[in-house]
Amino acid sequence: MANEGVGHQTSREAVADLSSAQYRYVVASSTKDFGVKLPSTANNQRPVGILQNDPISGGEATVQIDGISKLAFKGSTLSRGDFFTMTTGGLGTAPSTEFGVLGQIISGTSGTTGRILTVQMQPTGTTAVNP
């Protein structure tokens, strides 16, 4: 069972349709103050946090910025205790040099893409891939 809600949340504006992006990482918009969007392959973006709702473009995005949250994962073999990072679409995945380590899985095992796990987020500054 995935749990969430322990930590801090902030409200931002969705600068794109995020209605199918709940429990994915979002990054700051380069075109709108306090705006968020899914990360892209354009550059090495640091996440604002994990989206907790499913806003359409222009809607209010609730973003978990620290603590414990649910997170959707890319299909892989990660499980409880493993560290993770994010994909360019905001899904959790095995650590990489592009985004660094963003947290640790505290409940569940990934498998099929979109599976929701419970994670402990760490501050959004990138860290070593193998902490």
Protein backbone atom coordinates (compact mmCIF):
# COMPACT_ATOMS: atom_id res chain seq x y z
CA MET A 1 0.00 0.00 0.00
CA ALA A 2 1.35 3.43 -0.92
CA ASN A 3 1.06 6.23 1.63
CA GLU A 4 1.70 9.93 1.24
CA GLY A 5 1.08 13.32 2.76
CA VAL A 6 3.94 13.52 5.26
CA GLY A 7 5.89 16.64 4.30
CA HIS A 8 5.28 20.02 2.72
CA GLN A 9 3.22 20.94 -0.33
CA THR A 10 3.05 24.06 -2.47
CA SER A 11 0.64 25.31 -5.11
CA ARG A 12 1.93 26.18 -8.57
CA GLU A 13 0.33 26.78 -11.98
CA ALA A 14 0.34 23.94 -14.52
CA VAL A 15 1.78 25.41 -17.74
CA ALA A 16 0.77 22.28 -19.69
CA ASP A 17 -1.93 19.63 -19.40
CA LEU A 18 -0.84 17.50 -16.42
CA SER A 19 -4.12 15.59 -16.13
CA SER A 20 -2.31 12.27 -16.72
CA ALA A 21 0.81 13.14 -14.67
CA GLN A 22 -0.34 12.64 -11.07
CA TYR A 23 2.49 11.26 -8.86
CA ARG A 24 5.23 12.27 -11.31
CA TYR A 25 8.05 14.74 -10.76
CA VAL A 26 7.53 18.24 -12.16
CA VAL A 27 10.08 20.98 -12.84
CA ALA A 28 9.89 24.77 -12.91
CA SER A 29 8.66 26.41 -16.09
CA SER A 30 11.11 28.65 -17.90
CA THR A 31 8.25 30.75 -19.31
CA LYS A 32 5.91 31.32 -16.33
CA ASP A 33 6.62 32.45 -12.77
CA PHE A 34 5.54 29.73 -10.32
CA GLY A 35 4.67 27.44 -13.24
CA VAL A 36 5.45 23.71 -13.42
CA LYS A 37 5.65 21.13 -16.21
CA LEU A 38 7.00 17.65 -16.82
CA PRO A 39 10.79 17.44 -17.23
CA SER A 40 12.08 17.28 -20.80
CA THR A 41 15.26 16.09 -22.46
CA ALA A 42 16.25 19.67 -23.29
CA ASN A 43 18.52 20.14 -20.26
CA ASN A 44 19.46 18.86 -16.82
CA GLN A 45 16.44 20.11 -14.84
CA ARG A 46 16.06 19.86 -11.08
CA PRO A 47 12.59 18.88 -9.88
CA VAL A 48 10.33 21.13 -7.85
CA GLY A 49 8.67 18.04 -6.39
CA ILE A 50 6.04 15.35 -7.02
CA LEU A 51 2.65 16.34 -8.47
CA GLN A 52 -0.18 15.30 -6.12
CA ASN A 53 -3.19 16.09 -8.32
CA ASP A 54 -4.07 16.11 -12.03
CA PRO A 55 -4.55 19.71 -13.25
CA ILE A 56 -5.19 20.79 -16.81
CA SER A 57 -3.14 23.62 -18.32
CA GLY A 58 -3.67 26.80 -16.30
CA GLY A 59 -4.98 24.83 -13.31
CA GLU A 60 -3.58 24.70 -9.80
CA ALA A 61 -0.89 22.04 -9.36
CA THR A 62 -0.34 20.72 -5.84
CA VAL A 63 3.32 19.71 -5.53
CA GLN A 64 4.88 17.72 -2.66
CA ILE A 65 8.33 19.24 -2.10
CA ASP A 66 9.71 16.97 0.65
CA GLY A 67 8.83 14.08 2.93
CA ILE A 68 6.92 10.94 1.97
CA SER A 69 4.90 10.70 -1.23
CA LYS A 70 3.54 8.34 -3.82
CA LEU A 71 5.55 8.22 -7.08
CA ALA A 72 4.77 6.53 -10.40
CA PHE A 73 7.69 4.43 -11.69
CA LYS A 74 8.98 3.41 -15.09
CA GLY A 75 8.99 -0.37 -15.56
CA SER A 76 12.06 -1.72 -13.76
CA THR A 77 13.15 -3.97 -10.90
CA LEU A 78 13.52 -1.44 -8.09
CA SER A 79 12.19 -2.29 -4.64
CA ARG A 80 12.08 -1.23 -1.00
CA GLY A 81 15.42 0.30 0.07
CA ASP A 82 16.59 1.17 -3.46
CA PHE A 83 17.50 4.72 -4.41
CA PHE A 84 15.85 6.33 -7.43
CA THR A 85 15.92 9.28 -9.78
CA MET A 86 13.46 10.49 -12.47
CA THR A 87 13.02 9.99 -16.17
CA THR A 88 12.53 12.86 -18.62
CA GLY A 89 8.77 12.25 -18.21
CA GLY A 90 8.89 12.56 -14.41
CA LEU A 91 8.62 8.83 -13.59
CA GLY A 92 10.82 7.21 -10.96
CA THR A 93 13.68 5.03 -12.28
CA ALA A 94 17.13 3.70 -11.36
CA PRO A 95 19.68 6.45 -10.55
CA SER A 96 21.55 8.09 -13.42
CA THR A 97 24.19 10.73 -13.85
CA GLU A 98 21.67 13.04 -15.57
CA PHE A 99 19.42 13.67 -12.55
CA GLY A 100 21.29 12.17 -9.56
CA VAL A 101 19.55 10.47 -6.62
CA LEU A 102 16.20 12.00 -5.61
CA GLY A 103 15.14 9.65 -2.83
CA GLN A 104 14.62 6.11 -1.57
CA ILE A 105 11.76 3.63 -2.01
CA ILE A 106 10.21 2.80 1.38
CA SER A 107 7.34 0.56 0.26
CA GLY A 108 6.59 -1.52 -2.81
CA THR A 109 8.34 -2.96 -5.85
CA SER A 110 8.34 -1.44 -9.32
CA GLY A 111 7.46 -3.56 -12.33
CA THR A 112 5.11 -2.34 -15.00
CA THR A 113 5.31 1.32 -16.02
CA GLY A 114 3.00 3.50 -13.94
CA ARG A 115 3.13 1.38 -10.78
CA ILE A 116 2.79 3.63 -7.71
CA LEU A 117 5.30 3.20 -4.86
CA THR A 118 5.86 5.06 -1.60
CA VAL A 119 9.09 7.06 -1.50
CA GLN A 120 11.09 9.20 0.90
CA MET A 121 12.07 12.34 -1.00
CA GLN A 122 15.39 14.01 -0.30
CA PRO A 123 16.22 17.67 -0.97
CA THR A 124 16.08 18.40 -4.70
CA GLY A 125 19.77 19.18 -5.10
CA THR A 126 21.46 16.37 -7.00
CA THR A 127 23.72 13.99 -5.10
CA ALA A 128 26.10 11.21 -5.96
CA VAL A 129 24.57 8.35 -7.95
CA ASN A 130 25.76 5.76 -5.39
CA PRO A 131 25.32 7.42 -1.99
